[in-house]
N, C-alpha and C. Protein backbone atom coordinates (compact mmCIF):
# COMPACT_ATOMS: atom_id res chain seq x y z
N MET A 1 -36.33 -0.66 -10.76
CA MET A 1 -34.99 -0.21 -11.09
C MET A 1 -34.00 -0.71 -10.03
N LEU A 2 -32.85 -1.15 -10.45
CA LEU A 2 -31.81 -1.68 -9.58
C LEU A 2 -31.18 -0.56 -8.77
N LYS A 3 -31.13 -0.73 -7.46
CA LYS A 3 -30.50 0.28 -6.60
C LYS A 3 -29.02 -0.07 -6.44
N LEU A 4 -28.18 0.65 -7.17
CA LEU A 4 -26.75 0.37 -7.13
C LEU A 4 -26.12 0.70 -5.78
N SER A 5 -26.74 1.57 -5.00
CA SER A 5 -26.17 1.93 -3.71
C SER A 5 -26.09 0.73 -2.77
N ARG A 6 -26.87 -0.30 -3.03
CA ARG A 6 -26.81 -1.52 -2.22
C ARG A 6 -25.47 -2.23 -2.36
N TYR A 7 -24.78 -1.96 -3.44
CA TYR A 7 -23.54 -2.67 -3.73
C TYR A 7 -22.30 -1.89 -3.31
N ASP A 8 -22.48 -0.78 -2.59
CA ASP A 8 -21.32 0.00 -2.13
C ASP A 8 -20.37 -0.86 -1.30
N ASP A 9 -20.93 -1.65 -0.39
CA ASP A 9 -20.09 -2.47 0.48
C ASP A 9 -19.34 -3.54 -0.31
N LEU A 10 -19.95 -4.07 -1.34
CA LEU A 10 -19.26 -5.04 -2.19
C LEU A 10 -18.11 -4.35 -2.94
N GLY A 11 -18.35 -3.15 -3.42
CA GLY A 11 -17.29 -2.39 -4.09
C GLY A 11 -16.13 -2.10 -3.16
N LYS A 12 -16.43 -1.75 -1.91
CA LYS A 12 -15.37 -1.50 -0.92
C LYS A 12 -14.58 -2.78 -0.64
N LEU A 13 -15.27 -3.90 -0.57
CA LEU A 13 -14.58 -5.17 -0.36
C LEU A 13 -13.65 -5.47 -1.53
N ILE A 14 -14.11 -5.25 -2.75
CA ILE A 14 -13.28 -5.51 -3.93
C ILE A 14 -12.03 -4.64 -3.90
N VAL A 15 -12.18 -3.35 -3.58
CA VAL A 15 -11.03 -2.45 -3.50
C VAL A 15 -10.08 -2.91 -2.40
N ARG A 16 -10.63 -3.26 -1.24
CA ARG A 16 -9.78 -3.71 -0.13
C ARG A 16 -9.00 -4.95 -0.50
N LEU A 17 -9.67 -5.94 -1.10
CA LEU A 17 -8.99 -7.17 -1.47
C LEU A 17 -7.95 -6.93 -2.56
N MET A 18 -8.29 -6.08 -3.52
CA MET A 18 -7.37 -5.80 -4.63
C MET A 18 -6.06 -5.20 -4.10
N VAL A 19 -6.16 -4.11 -3.38
CA VAL A 19 -4.94 -3.44 -2.93
C VAL A 19 -4.25 -4.26 -1.84
N GLY A 20 -5.02 -4.86 -0.95
CA GLY A 20 -4.43 -5.62 0.15
C GLY A 20 -3.64 -6.82 -0.32
N VAL A 21 -4.22 -7.62 -1.19
CA VAL A 21 -3.54 -8.82 -1.68
C VAL A 21 -2.32 -8.44 -2.51
N LEU A 22 -2.46 -7.44 -3.38
CA LEU A 22 -1.34 -7.09 -4.25
C LEU A 22 -0.15 -6.53 -3.48
N ILE A 23 -0.40 -5.70 -2.47
CA ILE A 23 0.75 -5.18 -1.71
C ILE A 23 1.28 -6.22 -0.73
N LEU A 24 0.41 -7.11 -0.25
CA LEU A 24 0.86 -8.18 0.65
C LEU A 24 1.88 -9.08 -0.04
N LEU A 25 1.70 -9.32 -1.33
CA LEU A 25 2.67 -10.15 -2.06
C LEU A 25 4.07 -9.52 -2.01
N HIS A 26 4.14 -8.20 -2.09
CA HIS A 26 5.44 -7.52 -1.97
C HIS A 26 6.01 -7.70 -0.57
N GLY A 27 5.14 -7.62 0.44
CA GLY A 27 5.58 -7.80 1.82
C GLY A 27 6.04 -9.22 2.09
N VAL A 28 5.31 -10.20 1.58
CA VAL A 28 5.70 -11.60 1.78
C VAL A 28 7.07 -11.86 1.15
N HIS A 29 7.30 -11.27 -0.01
CA HIS A 29 8.62 -11.41 -0.65
C HIS A 29 9.71 -10.89 0.27
N LYS A 30 9.46 -9.75 0.91
CA LYS A 30 10.47 -9.17 1.79
C LYS A 30 10.65 -10.01 3.06
N VAL A 31 9.58 -10.60 3.55
CA VAL A 31 9.68 -11.47 4.73
C VAL A 31 10.50 -12.72 4.39
N LEU A 32 10.25 -13.29 3.22
CA LEU A 32 10.96 -14.51 2.81
C LEU A 32 12.39 -14.23 2.37
N ASN A 33 12.67 -12.98 2.00
CA ASN A 33 14.02 -12.58 1.55
C ASN A 33 14.46 -11.36 2.35
N PRO A 34 14.83 -11.55 3.62
CA PRO A 34 15.15 -10.40 4.47
C PRO A 34 16.32 -9.56 3.95
N GLY A 35 17.15 -10.14 3.12
CA GLY A 35 18.25 -9.39 2.53
C GLY A 35 17.77 -8.25 1.64
N SER A 36 16.51 -8.32 1.21
CA SER A 36 15.97 -7.26 0.36
C SER A 36 15.86 -5.94 1.12
N LEU A 37 15.92 -5.99 2.44
CA LEU A 37 15.89 -4.75 3.23
C LEU A 37 17.20 -3.99 3.18
N ASP A 38 18.28 -4.66 2.75
CA ASP A 38 19.59 -4.00 2.70
C ASP A 38 19.56 -2.75 1.83
N SER A 39 18.95 -2.83 0.67
CA SER A 39 18.90 -1.65 -0.20
C SER A 39 18.06 -0.54 0.43
N ILE A 40 17.01 -0.91 1.16
CA ILE A 40 16.19 0.09 1.84
C ILE A 40 17.01 0.76 2.94
N ARG A 41 17.76 -0.03 3.69
CA ARG A 41 18.62 0.53 4.74
C ARG A 41 19.61 1.53 4.16
N LYS A 42 20.24 1.17 3.04
CA LYS A 42 21.22 2.06 2.40
C LYS A 42 20.57 3.37 1.96
N MET A 43 19.36 3.29 1.41
CA MET A 43 18.68 4.52 1.00
C MET A 43 18.34 5.39 2.21
N LEU A 44 17.93 4.76 3.30
CA LEU A 44 17.61 5.52 4.51
C LEU A 44 18.85 6.21 5.06
N ILE A 45 19.96 5.48 5.11
CA ILE A 45 21.22 6.06 5.61
C ILE A 45 21.66 7.22 4.74
N SER A 46 21.55 7.06 3.41
CA SER A 46 21.96 8.15 2.51
C SER A 46 21.04 9.37 2.64
N ALA A 47 19.84 9.17 3.16
CA ALA A 47 18.92 10.29 3.41
C ALA A 47 19.02 10.78 4.85
N ASN A 48 20.06 10.34 5.57
CA ASN A 48 20.27 10.71 6.97
C ASN A 48 19.11 10.31 7.88
N LEU A 49 18.53 9.17 7.59
CA LEU A 49 17.46 8.61 8.42
C LEU A 49 17.96 7.32 9.05
N PRO A 50 17.42 6.95 10.20
CA PRO A 50 17.87 5.71 10.85
C PRO A 50 17.55 4.47 10.02
N SER A 51 18.52 3.59 9.90
CA SER A 51 18.32 2.37 9.10
C SER A 51 17.25 1.47 9.69
N LEU A 52 16.97 1.63 10.97
CA LEU A 52 15.92 0.85 11.63
C LEU A 52 14.55 1.07 10.98
N LEU A 53 14.37 2.21 10.34
CA LEU A 53 13.10 2.50 9.67
C LEU A 53 12.81 1.52 8.53
N ALA A 54 13.82 0.80 8.08
CA ALA A 54 13.61 -0.17 7.00
C ALA A 54 12.57 -1.22 7.38
N TYR A 55 12.49 -1.53 8.67
CA TYR A 55 11.51 -2.51 9.12
C TYR A 55 10.08 -1.99 9.00
N GLY A 56 9.93 -0.70 8.81
CA GLY A 56 8.61 -0.12 8.60
C GLY A 56 7.93 -0.64 7.35
N VAL A 57 8.71 -1.16 6.42
CA VAL A 57 8.13 -1.74 5.21
C VAL A 57 7.20 -2.89 5.57
N TYR A 58 7.52 -3.60 6.65
CA TYR A 58 6.65 -4.69 7.09
C TYR A 58 5.32 -4.16 7.61
N LEU A 59 5.34 -2.97 8.21
CA LEU A 59 4.09 -2.38 8.69
C LEU A 59 3.13 -2.11 7.53
N GLY A 60 3.65 -1.50 6.47
CA GLY A 60 2.79 -1.15 5.35
C GLY A 60 2.44 -2.32 4.46
N GLU A 61 3.42 -3.17 4.18
CA GLU A 61 3.21 -4.22 3.19
C GLU A 61 2.70 -5.53 3.77
N VAL A 62 2.79 -5.70 5.07
CA VAL A 62 2.26 -6.93 5.68
C VAL A 62 1.11 -6.59 6.63
N PHE A 63 1.39 -5.87 7.70
CA PHE A 63 0.34 -5.59 8.69
C PHE A 63 -0.76 -4.72 8.11
N GLY A 64 -0.37 -3.65 7.41
CA GLY A 64 -1.39 -2.79 6.79
C GLY A 64 -2.22 -3.55 5.78
N ALA A 65 -1.55 -4.37 4.99
CA ALA A 65 -2.25 -5.16 3.98
C ALA A 65 -3.24 -6.12 4.63
N LEU A 66 -2.82 -6.80 5.69
CA LEU A 66 -3.72 -7.74 6.37
C LEU A 66 -4.90 -7.02 7.02
N MET A 67 -4.65 -5.85 7.57
CA MET A 67 -5.74 -5.06 8.16
C MET A 67 -6.78 -4.70 7.10
N VAL A 68 -6.29 -4.32 5.94
CA VAL A 68 -7.17 -3.94 4.83
C VAL A 68 -7.93 -5.16 4.30
N ILE A 69 -7.25 -6.25 4.09
CA ILE A 69 -7.89 -7.47 3.57
C ILE A 69 -8.99 -7.95 4.51
N LEU A 70 -8.67 -8.02 5.79
CA LEU A 70 -9.63 -8.53 6.76
C LEU A 70 -10.73 -7.52 7.10
N GLY A 71 -10.47 -6.27 6.85
CA GLY A 71 -11.44 -5.26 7.22
C GLY A 71 -11.44 -5.01 8.71
N ALA A 72 -10.28 -5.07 9.32
CA ALA A 72 -10.12 -4.77 10.75
C ALA A 72 -9.23 -3.54 10.85
N TYR A 73 -9.83 -2.42 11.26
CA TYR A 73 -9.12 -1.15 11.29
C TYR A 73 -8.56 -0.81 9.90
N SER A 74 -9.42 -0.94 8.92
CA SER A 74 -9.01 -0.74 7.52
C SER A 74 -8.43 0.64 7.27
N ARG A 75 -9.00 1.65 7.88
CA ARG A 75 -8.50 3.01 7.66
C ARG A 75 -7.06 3.15 8.14
N ILE A 76 -6.74 2.53 9.28
CA ILE A 76 -5.36 2.56 9.77
C ILE A 76 -4.46 1.76 8.84
N GLY A 77 -4.95 0.61 8.35
CA GLY A 77 -4.20 -0.17 7.37
C GLY A 77 -3.93 0.64 6.11
N GLY A 78 -4.94 1.37 5.65
CA GLY A 78 -4.75 2.24 4.48
C GLY A 78 -3.71 3.31 4.76
N LEU A 79 -3.71 3.85 5.96
CA LEU A 79 -2.72 4.86 6.34
C LEU A 79 -1.31 4.27 6.34
N LEU A 80 -1.17 3.05 6.82
CA LEU A 80 0.14 2.38 6.80
C LEU A 80 0.62 2.18 5.37
N ILE A 81 -0.29 1.81 4.49
CA ILE A 81 0.08 1.62 3.07
C ILE A 81 0.50 2.95 2.46
N VAL A 82 -0.25 4.01 2.74
CA VAL A 82 0.09 5.34 2.21
C VAL A 82 1.46 5.77 2.72
N GLY A 83 1.70 5.60 4.02
CA GLY A 83 3.01 5.96 4.58
C GLY A 83 4.13 5.18 3.94
N ASN A 84 3.91 3.89 3.73
CA ASN A 84 4.89 3.03 3.07
C ASN A 84 5.22 3.55 1.68
N MET A 85 4.17 3.92 0.95
CA MET A 85 4.38 4.38 -0.42
C MET A 85 5.04 5.75 -0.48
N LEU A 86 4.74 6.62 0.49
CA LEU A 86 5.41 7.93 0.51
C LEU A 86 6.90 7.76 0.75
N PHE A 87 7.27 6.84 1.65
CA PHE A 87 8.69 6.55 1.85
C PHE A 87 9.30 5.98 0.58
N ALA A 88 8.61 5.04 -0.06
CA ALA A 88 9.14 4.43 -1.29
C ALA A 88 9.33 5.49 -2.38
N LEU A 89 8.35 6.35 -2.53
CA LEU A 89 8.46 7.40 -3.55
C LEU A 89 9.61 8.36 -3.22
N GLY A 90 9.71 8.75 -1.96
CA GLY A 90 10.73 9.70 -1.56
C GLY A 90 12.14 9.14 -1.59
N LEU A 91 12.29 7.88 -1.27
CA LEU A 91 13.62 7.29 -1.19
C LEU A 91 14.08 6.63 -2.49
N ALA A 92 13.19 5.90 -3.13
CA ALA A 92 13.62 5.05 -4.25
C ALA A 92 13.16 5.52 -5.62
N HIS A 93 12.15 6.35 -5.68
CA HIS A 93 11.55 6.62 -6.99
C HIS A 93 11.48 8.10 -7.37
N ARG A 94 12.21 8.94 -6.66
CA ARG A 94 12.17 10.39 -6.97
C ARG A 94 12.50 10.68 -8.43
N ALA A 95 13.48 9.99 -8.95
CA ALA A 95 13.95 10.28 -10.32
C ALA A 95 12.94 9.87 -11.39
N GLN A 96 11.95 9.06 -11.03
CA GLN A 96 11.00 8.56 -12.02
C GLN A 96 9.71 9.36 -12.10
N VAL A 97 9.58 10.40 -11.30
CA VAL A 97 8.31 11.14 -11.22
C VAL A 97 7.86 11.63 -12.58
N PHE A 98 8.77 12.10 -13.39
CA PHE A 98 8.38 12.66 -14.69
C PHE A 98 8.80 11.77 -15.86
N SER A 99 8.92 10.46 -15.62
CA SER A 99 9.35 9.59 -16.71
C SER A 99 8.24 8.61 -17.11
N LEU A 100 8.33 8.19 -18.36
CA LEU A 100 7.37 7.23 -18.91
C LEU A 100 8.09 5.93 -19.26
N THR A 101 7.32 4.86 -19.36
CA THR A 101 7.87 3.57 -19.77
C THR A 101 7.99 3.53 -21.29
N ASN A 102 8.53 2.44 -21.81
CA ASN A 102 8.66 2.27 -23.27
C ASN A 102 7.30 2.23 -23.97
N THR A 103 6.26 1.86 -23.23
CA THR A 103 4.93 1.77 -23.83
C THR A 103 4.08 3.01 -23.58
N GLY A 104 4.68 4.03 -22.98
CA GLY A 104 3.98 5.30 -22.78
C GLY A 104 3.30 5.45 -21.44
N GLY A 105 3.35 4.42 -20.61
CA GLY A 105 2.75 4.53 -19.28
C GLY A 105 3.67 5.27 -18.33
N TRP A 106 3.11 5.74 -17.24
CA TRP A 106 3.90 6.43 -16.22
C TRP A 106 4.78 5.42 -15.52
N SER A 107 6.02 5.74 -15.29
CA SER A 107 6.96 4.83 -14.63
C SER A 107 6.53 4.48 -13.21
N LEU A 108 5.72 5.32 -12.61
CA LEU A 108 5.30 5.10 -11.23
C LEU A 108 3.86 4.63 -11.11
N GLU A 109 3.36 3.95 -12.12
CA GLU A 109 1.96 3.49 -12.07
C GLU A 109 1.68 2.61 -10.87
N LEU A 110 2.54 1.65 -10.60
CA LEU A 110 2.31 0.73 -9.49
C LEU A 110 2.34 1.47 -8.16
N GLN A 111 3.33 2.34 -7.98
CA GLN A 111 3.43 3.09 -6.74
C GLN A 111 2.23 4.03 -6.57
N ALA A 112 1.80 4.66 -7.65
CA ALA A 112 0.62 5.53 -7.59
C ALA A 112 -0.63 4.72 -7.27
N PHE A 113 -0.73 3.53 -7.84
CA PHE A 113 -1.87 2.66 -7.56
C PHE A 113 -1.96 2.36 -6.07
N PHE A 114 -0.85 1.95 -5.46
CA PHE A 114 -0.86 1.63 -4.03
C PHE A 114 -1.14 2.87 -3.19
N LEU A 115 -0.52 3.97 -3.52
CA LEU A 115 -0.72 5.21 -2.77
C LEU A 115 -2.18 5.66 -2.82
N LEU A 116 -2.73 5.75 -4.02
CA LEU A 116 -4.10 6.24 -4.17
C LEU A 116 -5.14 5.24 -3.68
N SER A 117 -4.87 3.96 -3.81
CA SER A 117 -5.78 2.95 -3.26
C SER A 117 -5.80 3.01 -1.74
N GLY A 118 -4.63 3.21 -1.14
CA GLY A 118 -4.56 3.37 0.31
C GLY A 118 -5.35 4.59 0.75
N LEU A 119 -5.23 5.68 0.00
CA LEU A 119 -6.01 6.89 0.31
C LEU A 119 -7.51 6.62 0.20
N ALA A 120 -7.90 5.89 -0.83
CA ALA A 120 -9.31 5.57 -1.01
C ALA A 120 -9.84 4.78 0.18
N ILE A 121 -9.06 3.85 0.68
CA ILE A 121 -9.48 3.05 1.83
C ILE A 121 -9.60 3.92 3.08
N ILE A 122 -8.68 4.87 3.23
CA ILE A 122 -8.78 5.79 4.37
C ILE A 122 -10.11 6.53 4.32
N PHE A 123 -10.50 7.02 3.15
CA PHE A 123 -11.72 7.81 3.02
C PHE A 123 -12.99 6.96 2.99
N LEU A 124 -12.91 5.77 2.40
CA LEU A 124 -14.10 4.93 2.26
C LEU A 124 -14.37 4.06 3.49
N GLY A 125 -13.33 3.65 4.17
CA GLY A 125 -13.50 2.70 5.26
C GLY A 125 -13.69 1.29 4.71
N SER A 126 -14.02 0.38 5.59
CA SER A 126 -14.09 -1.03 5.21
C SER A 126 -15.39 -1.42 4.56
N GLY A 127 -16.47 -0.73 4.88
CA GLY A 127 -17.79 -1.20 4.47
C GLY A 127 -18.26 -2.28 5.44
N ARG A 128 -19.47 -2.77 5.21
CA ARG A 128 -20.05 -3.76 6.13
C ARG A 128 -19.46 -5.15 5.98
N LEU A 129 -18.89 -5.46 4.82
CA LEU A 129 -18.34 -6.79 4.59
C LEU A 129 -16.92 -6.86 5.10
N ALA A 130 -16.80 -6.81 6.42
CA ALA A 130 -15.48 -6.73 7.06
C ALA A 130 -15.53 -7.40 8.42
N LEU A 131 -14.36 -7.79 8.89
CA LEU A 131 -14.25 -8.38 10.21
C LEU A 131 -14.69 -7.39 11.30
N LYS A 132 -14.26 -6.14 11.15
CA LYS A 132 -14.63 -5.08 12.07
C LYS A 132 -15.00 -3.84 11.25
N PRO A 133 -16.24 -3.77 10.78
CA PRO A 133 -16.64 -2.64 9.93
C PRO A 133 -16.41 -1.30 10.61
N ASP A 134 -15.97 -0.33 9.81
CA ASP A 134 -15.83 1.01 10.37
C ASP A 134 -16.68 2.01 9.62
């Protein structure tokens, strides 16, 4: 009989690569288009938070993503992604919490995906197939 527990580390790698690569693409867009931080700054100011926090998006979407992809301090990378998504939900997506798309899906599917995947990485760790397994 096939022992599926042998493939736990492969499953963790797949989850890490999936969430890491997908959120990294958002971060790369922001790095290549620094003006995209302007709207984040405005939201932070309207919430009485320092506009300097806008640069935190790079922590979650670039550094956190790279940590997760490489498997180096993956749990911390997952935490950065979760923090990034909590800010995004609180600042930009509050009004969508109870709304659906035209096709019946939740309006916050992507944000929930990143948030919950980051949480999964925090709890699962990197697995053995990582630069620095934890």
